[in-house]
PDB file of all heavy atoms in Angstrom:
ATOM      1  N   ALA A   1       3.001   2.101 -12.402  1.00  0.00           N
ATOM      2  CA  ALA A   1       4.010   3.159 -12.400  1.00  0.00           C
ATOM      3  C   ALA A   1       4.227   3.712 -10.995  1.00  0.00           C
ATOM      4  O   ALA A   1       5.368   3.935 -10.573  1.00  0.00           O
ATOM      5  CB  ALA A   1       3.595   4.276 -13.357  1.00  0.00           C
ATOM      6  N   ASP A   2       3.156   3.923 -10.262  1.00  0.00           N
ATOM      7  CA  ASP A   2       3.260   4.443  -8.898  1.00  0.00           C
ATOM      8  C   ASP A   2       4.056   3.485  -8.020  1.00  0.00           C
ATOM      9  O   ASP A   2       4.988   3.890  -7.300  1.00  0.00           O
ATOM     10  CB  ASP A   2       1.860   4.657  -8.322  1.00  0.00           C
ATOM     11  CG  ASP A   2       1.883   5.335  -6.969  1.00  0.00           C
ATOM     12  OD1 ASP A   2       2.462   4.748  -6.024  1.00  0.00           O
ATOM     13  OD2 ASP A   2       1.334   6.433  -6.827  1.00  0.00           O
ATOM     14  N   ALA A   3       3.719   2.210  -8.077  1.00  0.00           N
ATOM     15  CA  ALA A   3       4.389   1.219  -7.240  1.00  0.00           C
ATOM     16  C   ALA A   3       5.872   1.107  -7.569  1.00  0.00           C
ATOM     17  O   ALA A   3       6.700   0.873  -6.683  1.00  0.00           O
ATOM     18  CB  ALA A   3       3.712  -0.147  -7.404  1.00  0.00           C
ATOM     19  N   VAL A   4       6.208   1.280  -8.840  1.00  0.00           N
ATOM     20  CA  VAL A   4       7.602   1.156  -9.279  1.00  0.00           C
ATOM     21  C   VAL A   4       8.401   2.414  -8.967  1.00  0.00           C
ATOM     22  O   VAL A   4       9.505   2.358  -8.422  1.00  0.00           O
ATOM     23  CB  VAL A   4       7.660   0.845 -10.787  1.00  0.00           C
ATOM     24  CG1 VAL A   4       9.090   0.945 -11.304  1.00  0.00           C
ATOM     25  CG2 VAL A   4       7.092  -0.542 -11.067  1.00  0.00           C
ATOM     26  N   ILE A   5       7.842   3.576  -9.296  1.00  0.00           N
ATOM     27  CA  ILE A   5       8.578   4.830  -9.154  1.00  0.00           C
ATOM     28  C   ILE A   5       8.954   5.107  -7.707  1.00  0.00           C
ATOM     29  O   ILE A   5      10.052   5.580  -7.409  1.00  0.00           O
ATOM     30  CB  ILE A   5       7.764   5.998  -9.746  1.00  0.00           C
ATOM     31  CG1 ILE A   5       7.696   5.868 -11.275  1.00  0.00           C
ATOM     32  CG2 ILE A   5       8.353   7.345  -9.354  1.00  0.00           C
ATOM     33  CD1 ILE A   5       6.748   6.844 -11.947  1.00  0.00           C
ATOM     34  N   ARG A   6       8.062   4.801  -6.759  1.00  0.00           N
ATOM     35  CA  ARG A   6       8.360   5.097  -5.352  1.00  0.00           C
ATOM     36  C   ARG A   6       9.519   4.261  -4.822  1.00  0.00           C
ATOM     37  O   ARG A   6      10.070   4.566  -3.760  1.00  0.00           O
ATOM     38  CB  ARG A   6       7.116   4.884  -4.490  1.00  0.00           C
ATOM     39  CG  ARG A   6       6.653   3.447  -4.398  1.00  0.00           C
ATOM     40  CD  ARG A   6       5.268   3.355  -3.767  1.00  0.00           C
ATOM     41  NE  ARG A   6       5.176   4.095  -2.525  1.00  0.00           N
ATOM     42  CZ  ARG A   6       5.614   3.678  -1.343  1.00  0.00           C
ATOM     43  NH1 ARG A   6       6.207   2.481  -1.273  1.00  0.00           N
ATOM     44  NH2 ARG A   6       5.490   4.395  -0.253  1.00  0.00           N
ATOM     45  N   LEU A   7       9.912   3.219  -5.550  1.00  0.00           N
ATOM     46  CA  LEU A   7      11.032   2.381  -5.124  1.00  0.00           C
ATOM     47  C   LEU A   7      12.379   2.888  -5.639  1.00  0.00           C
ATOM     48  O   LEU A   7      13.432   2.414  -5.204  1.00  0.00           O
ATOM     49  CB  LEU A   7      10.824   0.943  -5.620  1.00  0.00           C
ATOM     50  CG  LEU A   7       9.643   0.178  -5.005  1.00  0.00           C
ATOM     51  CD1 LEU A   7       9.436  -1.144  -5.736  1.00  0.00           C
ATOM     52  CD2 LEU A   7       9.862  -0.059  -3.525  1.00  0.00           C
ATOM     53  N   ILE A   8      12.362   3.847  -6.557  1.00  0.00           N
ATOM     54  CA  ILE A   8      13.610   4.378  -7.109  1.00  0.00           C
ATOM     55  C   ILE A   8      14.334   5.166  -6.021  1.00  0.00           C
ATOM     56  O   ILE A   8      13.734   6.024  -5.368  1.00  0.00           O
ATOM     57  CB  ILE A   8      13.327   5.278  -8.320  1.00  0.00           C
ATOM     58  CG1 ILE A   8      12.641   4.471  -9.436  1.00  0.00           C
ATOM     59  CG2 ILE A   8      14.608   5.915  -8.842  1.00  0.00           C
ATOM     60  CD1 ILE A   8      12.166   5.330 -10.596  1.00  0.00           C
ATOM     61  N   PRO A   9      15.607   4.882  -5.792  1.00  0.00           N
ATOM     62  CA  PRO A   9      16.359   5.627  -4.761  1.00  0.00           C
ATOM     63  C   PRO A   9      16.268   7.131  -4.961  1.00  0.00           C
ATOM     64  O   PRO A   9      16.465   7.637  -6.065  1.00  0.00           O
ATOM     65  CB  PRO A   9      17.802   5.117  -4.955  1.00  0.00           C
ATOM     66  CG  PRO A   9      17.636   3.750  -5.533  1.00  0.00           C
ATOM     67  CD  PRO A   9      16.433   3.842  -6.440  1.00  0.00           C
ATOM     68  N   GLY A  10      15.943   7.830  -3.878  1.00  0.00           N
ATOM     69  CA  GLY A  10      15.841   9.279  -3.926  1.00  0.00           C
ATOM     70  C   GLY A  10      14.438   9.805  -4.101  1.00  0.00           C
ATOM     71  O   GLY A  10      14.180  10.986  -3.875  1.00  0.00           O
ATOM     72  N   VAL A  11      13.499   8.937  -4.490  1.00  0.00           N
ATOM     73  CA  VAL A  11      12.117   9.390  -4.694  1.00  0.00           C
ATOM     74  C   VAL A  11      11.449   9.703  -3.358  1.00  0.00           C
ATOM     75  O   VAL A  11      10.832  10.755  -3.177  1.00  0.00           O
ATOM     76  CB  VAL A  11      11.297   8.347  -5.479  1.00  0.00           C
ATOM     77  CG1 VAL A  11       9.817   8.707  -5.465  1.00  0.00           C
ATOM     78  CG2 VAL A  11      11.805   8.268  -6.917  1.00  0.00           C
ATOM     79  N   LEU A  12      11.556   8.790  -2.405  1.00  0.00           N
ATOM     80  CA  LEU A  12      10.998   9.025  -1.074  1.00  0.00           C
ATOM     81  C   LEU A  12      12.026   9.741  -0.213  1.00  0.00           C
ATOM     82  O   LEU A  12      13.229   9.477  -0.303  1.00  0.00           O
ATOM     83  CB  LEU A  12      10.603   7.702  -0.418  1.00  0.00           C
ATOM     84  CG  LEU A  12       9.542   6.875  -1.144  1.00  0.00           C
ATOM     85  CD1 LEU A  12       9.227   5.611  -0.348  1.00  0.00           C
ATOM     86  CD2 LEU A  12       8.263   7.684  -1.357  1.00  0.00           C
ATOM     87  N   ASN A  13      11.565  10.636   0.636  1.00  0.00           N
ATOM     88  CA  ASN A  13      12.482  11.365   1.510  1.00  0.00           C
ATOM     89  C   ASN A  13      13.199  10.435   2.475  1.00  0.00           C
ATOM     90  O   ASN A  13      14.360  10.621   2.790  1.00  0.00           O
ATOM     91  CB  ASN A  13      11.712  12.435   2.285  1.00  0.00           C
ATOM     92  CG  ASN A  13      11.206  13.551   1.380  1.00  0.00           C
ATOM     93  OD1 ASN A  13      11.824  13.850   0.366  1.00  0.00           O
ATOM     94  ND2 ASN A  13      10.086  14.150   1.738  1.00  0.00           N
ATOM     95  N   ASP A  14      12.493   9.421   2.957  1.00  0.00           N
ATOM     96  CA  ASP A  14      13.087   8.435   3.860  1.00  0.00           C
ATOM     97  C   ASP A  14      13.335   7.164   3.064  1.00  0.00           C
ATOM     98  O   ASP A  14      12.402   6.474   2.669  1.00  0.00           O
ATOM     99  CB  ASP A  14      12.142   8.162   5.045  1.00  0.00           C
ATOM    100  CG  ASP A  14      12.730   7.202   6.065  1.00  0.00           C
ATOM    101  OD1 ASP A  14      13.793   6.612   5.773  1.00  0.00           O
ATOM    102  OD2 ASP A  14      12.142   7.041   7.133  1.00  0.00           O
ATOM    103  N   GLU A  15      14.597   6.854   2.822  1.00  0.00           N
ATOM    104  CA  GLU A  15      14.940   5.714   1.972  1.00  0.00           C
ATOM    105  C   GLU A  15      14.455   4.391   2.539  1.00  0.00           C
ATOM    106  O   GLU A  15      14.232   3.428   1.809  1.00  0.00           O
ATOM    107  CB  GLU A  15      16.461   5.653   1.770  1.00  0.00           C
ATOM    108  CG  GLU A  15      17.016   6.810   0.949  1.00  0.00           C
ATOM    109  CD  GLU A  15      16.472   6.844  -0.460  1.00  0.00           C
ATOM    110  OE1 GLU A  15      16.194   5.777  -1.028  1.00  0.00           O
ATOM    111  OE2 GLU A  15      16.304   7.945  -0.997  1.00  0.00           O
ATOM    112  N   THR A  16      14.283   4.313   3.872  1.00  0.00           N
ATOM    113  CA  THR A  16      13.861   3.047   4.476  1.00  0.00           C
ATOM    114  C   THR A  16      12.361   2.851   4.418  1.00  0.00           C
ATOM    115  O   THR A  16      11.875   1.757   4.676  1.00  0.00           O
ATOM    116  CB  THR A  16      14.313   2.970   5.957  1.00  0.00           C
ATOM    117  OG1 THR A  16      13.650   4.005   6.711  1.00  0.00           O
ATOM    118  CG2 THR A  16      15.811   3.142   6.074  1.00  0.00           C
ATOM    119  N   SER A  17      11.620   3.899   4.070  1.00  0.00           N
ATOM    120  CA  SER A  17      10.159   3.819   4.106  1.00  0.00           C
ATOM    121  C   SER A  17       9.623   2.722   3.202  1.00  0.00           C
ATOM    122  O   SER A  17       8.778   1.920   3.607  1.00  0.00           O
ATOM    123  CB  SER A  17       9.550   5.168   3.715  1.00  0.00           C
ATOM    124  OG  SER A  17       8.143   5.105   3.730  1.00  0.00           O
ATOM    125  N   ALA A  18      10.108   2.675   1.962  1.00  0.00           N
ATOM    126  CA  ALA A  18       9.610   1.682   1.012  1.00  0.00           C
ATOM    127  C   ALA A  18       9.959   0.266   1.454  1.00  0.00           C
ATOM    128  O   ALA A  18       9.210  -0.685   1.178  1.00  0.00           O
ATOM    129  CB  ALA A  18      10.175   1.947  -0.379  1.00  0.00           C
ATOM    130  N   LEU A  19      11.086   0.115   2.146  1.00  0.00           N
ATOM    131  CA  LEU A  19      11.508  -1.221   2.577  1.00  0.00           C
ATOM    132  C   LEU A  19      10.622  -1.761   3.681  1.00  0.00           C
ATOM    133  O   LEU A  19      10.621  -2.965   3.946  1.00  0.00           O
ATOM    134  CB  LEU A  19      12.969  -1.176   3.060  1.00  0.00           C
ATOM    135  CG  LEU A  19      14.003  -0.752   2.002  1.00  0.00           C
ATOM    136  CD1 LEU A  19      15.383  -0.692   2.637  1.00  0.00           C
ATOM    137  CD2 LEU A  19      13.996  -1.713   0.827  1.00  0.00           C
ATOM    138  N   GLU A  20       9.861  -0.880   4.333  1.00  0.00           N
ATOM    139  CA  GLU A  20       9.000  -1.297   5.430  1.00  0.00           C
ATOM    140  C   GLU A  20       7.539  -1.391   5.019  1.00  0.00           C
ATOM    141  O   GLU A  20       6.665  -1.606   5.850  1.00  0.00           O
ATOM    142  CB  GLU A  20       9.151  -0.313   6.603  1.00  0.00           C
ATOM    143  CG  GLU A  20      10.572  -0.302   7.183  1.00  0.00           C
ATOM    144  CD  GLU A  20      10.764   0.795   8.212  1.00  0.00           C
ATOM    145  OE1 GLU A  20       9.827   1.619   8.377  1.00  0.00           O
ATOM    146  OE2 GLU A  20      11.832   0.847   8.834  1.00  0.00           O
ATOM    147  N   ASP A  21       7.268  -1.225   3.732  1.00  0.00           N
ATOM    148  CA  ASP A  21       5.891  -1.303   3.247  1.00  0.00           C
ATOM    149  C   ASP A  21       5.355  -2.725   3.332  1.00  0.00           C
ATOM    150  O   ASP A  21       6.110  -3.696   3.414  1.00  0.00           O
ATOM    151  CB  ASP A  21       5.812  -0.849   1.784  1.00  0.00           C
ATOM    152  CG  ASP A  21       5.946   0.655   1.651  1.00  0.00           C
ATOM    153  OD1 ASP A  21       5.724   1.352   2.653  1.00  0.00           O
ATOM    154  OD2 ASP A  21       6.268   1.125   0.540  1.00  0.00           O
ATOM    155  N   SER A  22       4.030  -2.837   3.264  1.00  0.00           N
ATOM    156  CA  SER A  22       3.401  -4.146   3.150  1.00  0.00           C
ATOM    157  C   SER A  22       3.919  -4.862   1.916  1.00  0.00           C
ATOM    158  O   SER A  22       4.242  -4.233   0.902  1.00  0.00           O
ATOM    159  CB  SER A  22       1.877  -4.010   3.052  1.00  0.00           C
ATOM    160  OG  SER A  22       1.321  -3.599   4.282  1.00  0.00           O
ATOM    161  N   PHE A  23       4.022  -6.181   2.031  1.00  0.00           N
ATOM    162  CA  PHE A  23       4.413  -7.100   0.957  1.00  0.00           C
ATOM    163  C   PHE A  23       5.922  -7.171   0.732  1.00  0.00           C
ATOM    164  O   PHE A  23       6.377  -8.040   0.005  1.00  0.00           O
ATOM    165  CB  PHE A  23       3.698  -6.785  -0.370  1.00  0.00           C
ATOM    166  CG  PHE A  23       2.207  -6.759  -0.228  1.00  0.00           C
ATOM    167  CD1 PHE A  23       1.496  -5.584  -0.369  1.00  0.00           C
ATOM    168  CD2 PHE A  23       1.516  -7.920   0.087  1.00  0.00           C
ATOM    169  CE1 PHE A  23       0.121  -5.562  -0.219  1.00  0.00           C
ATOM    170  CE2 PHE A  23       0.133  -7.907   0.238  1.00  0.00           C
ATOM    171  CZ  PHE A  23      -0.558  -6.722   0.081  1.00  0.00           C
ATOM    172  N   GLN A  24       6.695  -6.276   1.330  1.00  0.00           N
ATOM    173  CA  GLN A  24       8.132  -6.486   1.302  1.00  0.00           C
ATOM    174  C   GLN A  24       8.409  -7.656   2.243  1.00  0.00           C
ATOM    175  O   GLN A  24       7.885  -7.714   3.342  1.00  0.00           O
ATOM    176  CB  GLN A  24       8.895  -5.232   1.778  1.00  0.00           C
ATOM    177  CG  GLN A  24       8.726  -4.020   0.866  1.00  0.00           C
ATOM    178  CD  GLN A  24       9.519  -4.164  -0.442  1.00  0.00           C
ATOM    179  OE1 GLN A  24      10.093  -5.217  -0.738  1.00  0.00           O
ATOM    180  NE2 GLN A  24       9.545  -3.104  -1.228  1.00  0.00           N
ATOM    181  N   ASP A  25       9.217  -8.597   1.824  1.00  0.00           N
ATOM    182  CA  ASP A  25       9.499  -9.816   2.600  1.00  0.00           C
ATOM    183  C   ASP A  25       8.241 -10.640   2.840  1.00  0.00           C
ATOM    184  O   ASP A  25       8.156 -11.392   3.823  1.00  0.00           O
ATOM    185  CB  ASP A  25      10.148  -9.476   3.952  1.00  0.00           C
ATOM    186  CG  ASP A  25      11.480  -8.772   3.783  1.00  0.00           C
ATOM    187  OD1 ASP A  25      12.209  -9.126   2.831  1.00  0.00           O
ATOM    188  OD2 ASP A  25      11.788  -7.873   4.574  1.00  0.00           O
ATOM    189  N   ASN A  26       7.215 -10.467   1.979  1.00  0.00           N
ATOM    190  CA  ASN A  26       5.972 -11.231   2.073  1.00  0.00           C
ATOM    191  C   ASN A  26       5.242 -11.031   3.401  1.00  0.00           C
ATOM    192  O   ASN A  26       4.546 -11.929   3.879  1.00  0.00           O
ATOM    193  CB  ASN A  26       6.237 -12.727   1.852  1.00  0.00           C
ATOM    194  CG  ASN A  26       6.345 -13.064   0.378  1.00  0.00           C
ATOM    195  OD1 ASN A  26       6.355 -12.180  -0.474  1.00  0.00           O
ATOM    196  ND2 ASN A  26       6.427 -14.339   0.067  1.00  0.00           N
ATOM    197  N   LEU A  27       5.380  -9.858   3.981  1.00  0.00           N
ATOM    198  CA  LEU A  27       4.676  -9.547   5.225  1.00  0.00           C
ATOM    199  C   LEU A  27       3.863  -8.273   5.056  1.00  0.00           C
ATOM    200  O   LEU A  27       4.253  -7.367   4.318  1.00  0.00           O
ATOM    201  CB  LEU A  27       5.669  -9.349   6.378  1.00  0.00           C
ATOM    202  CG  LEU A  27       6.465 -10.564   6.848  1.00  0.00           C
ATOM    203  CD1 LEU A  27       7.461 -10.139   7.920  1.00  0.00           C
ATOM    204  CD2 LEU A  27       5.535 -11.653   7.391  1.00  0.00           C
ATOM    205  N   LEU A  28       2.717  -8.220   5.742  1.00  0.00           N
ATOM    206  CA  LEU A  28       1.962  -6.979   5.804  1.00  0.00           C
ATOM    207  C   LEU A  28       2.628  -6.047   6.807  1.00  0.00           C
ATOM    208  O   LEU A  28       3.307  -6.501   7.731  1.00  0.00           O
ATOM    209  CB  LEU A  28       0.515  -7.248   6.224  1.00  0.00           C
ATOM    210  CG  LEU A  28      -0.307  -8.160   5.309  1.00  0.00           C
ATOM    211  CD1 LEU A  28      -1.717  -8.318   5.858  1.00  0.00           C
ATOM    212  CD2 LEU A  28      -0.349  -7.618   3.884  1.00  0.00           C
ATOM    213  N   ALA A  29       2.440  -4.760   6.631  1.00  0.00           N
ATOM    214  CA  ALA A  29       3.047  -3.798   7.543  1.00  0.00           C
ATOM    215  C   ALA A  29       2.387  -3.884   8.921  1.00  0.00           C
ATOM    216  O   ALA A  29       1.186  -4.177   9.036  1.00  0.00           O
ATOM    217  CB  ALA A  29       2.910  -2.388   6.992  1.00  0.00           C
ATOM    218  N   PRO A  30       3.148  -3.628   9.990  1.00  0.00           N
ATOM    219  CA  PRO A  30       2.577  -3.649  11.344  1.00  0.00           C
ATOM    220  C   PRO A  30       1.711  -2.421  11.593  1.00  0.00           C
ATOM    221  O   PRO A  30       1.739  -1.464  10.806  1.00  0.00           O
ATOM    222  CB  PRO A  30       3.825  -3.645  12.235  1.00  0.00           C
ATOM    223  CG  PRO A  30       4.843  -2.899  11.428  1.00  0.00           C
ATOM    224  CD  PRO A  30       4.593  -3.305  10.002  1.00  0.00           C
ATOM    225  N   PRO A  31       0.954  -2.390  12.694  1.00  0.00           N
ATOM    226  CA  PRO A  31       0.162  -1.207  13.036  1.00  0.00           C
ATOM    227  C   PRO A  31       1.071  -0.004  13.270  1.00  0.00           C
ATOM    228  O   PRO A  31       2.219  -0.155  13.691  1.00  0.00           O
ATOM    229  CB  PRO A  31      -0.546  -1.616  14.331  1.00  0.00           C
ATOM    230  CG  PRO A  31      -0.477  -3.097  14.375  1.00  0.00           C
ATOM    231  CD  PRO A  31       0.771  -3.480  13.665  1.00  0.00           C
ATOM    232  N   VAL A  32       0.562   1.173  12.982  1.00  0.00           N
ATOM    233  CA  VAL A  32       1.324   2.405  13.220  1.00  0.00           C
ATOM    234  C   VAL A  32       0.490   3.365  14.069  1.00  0.00           C
ATOM    235  O   VAL A  32      -0.748   3.338  14.040  1.00  0.00           O
ATOM    236  CB  VAL A  32       1.723   3.089  11.892  1.00  0.00           C
ATOM    237  CG1 VAL A  32       2.735   2.239  11.151  1.00  0.00           C
ATOM    238  CG2 VAL A  32       0.509   3.358  11.010  1.00  0.00           C
TER     239      VAL A  32
END
């Protein structure tokens, strides 16, 4: 549920945040 809900538009304040998470596009996230 957590993994799914955070992807719903409007849930995260920054809409691009979820698109940059690990495993999107089969890549791990870079260092921050």
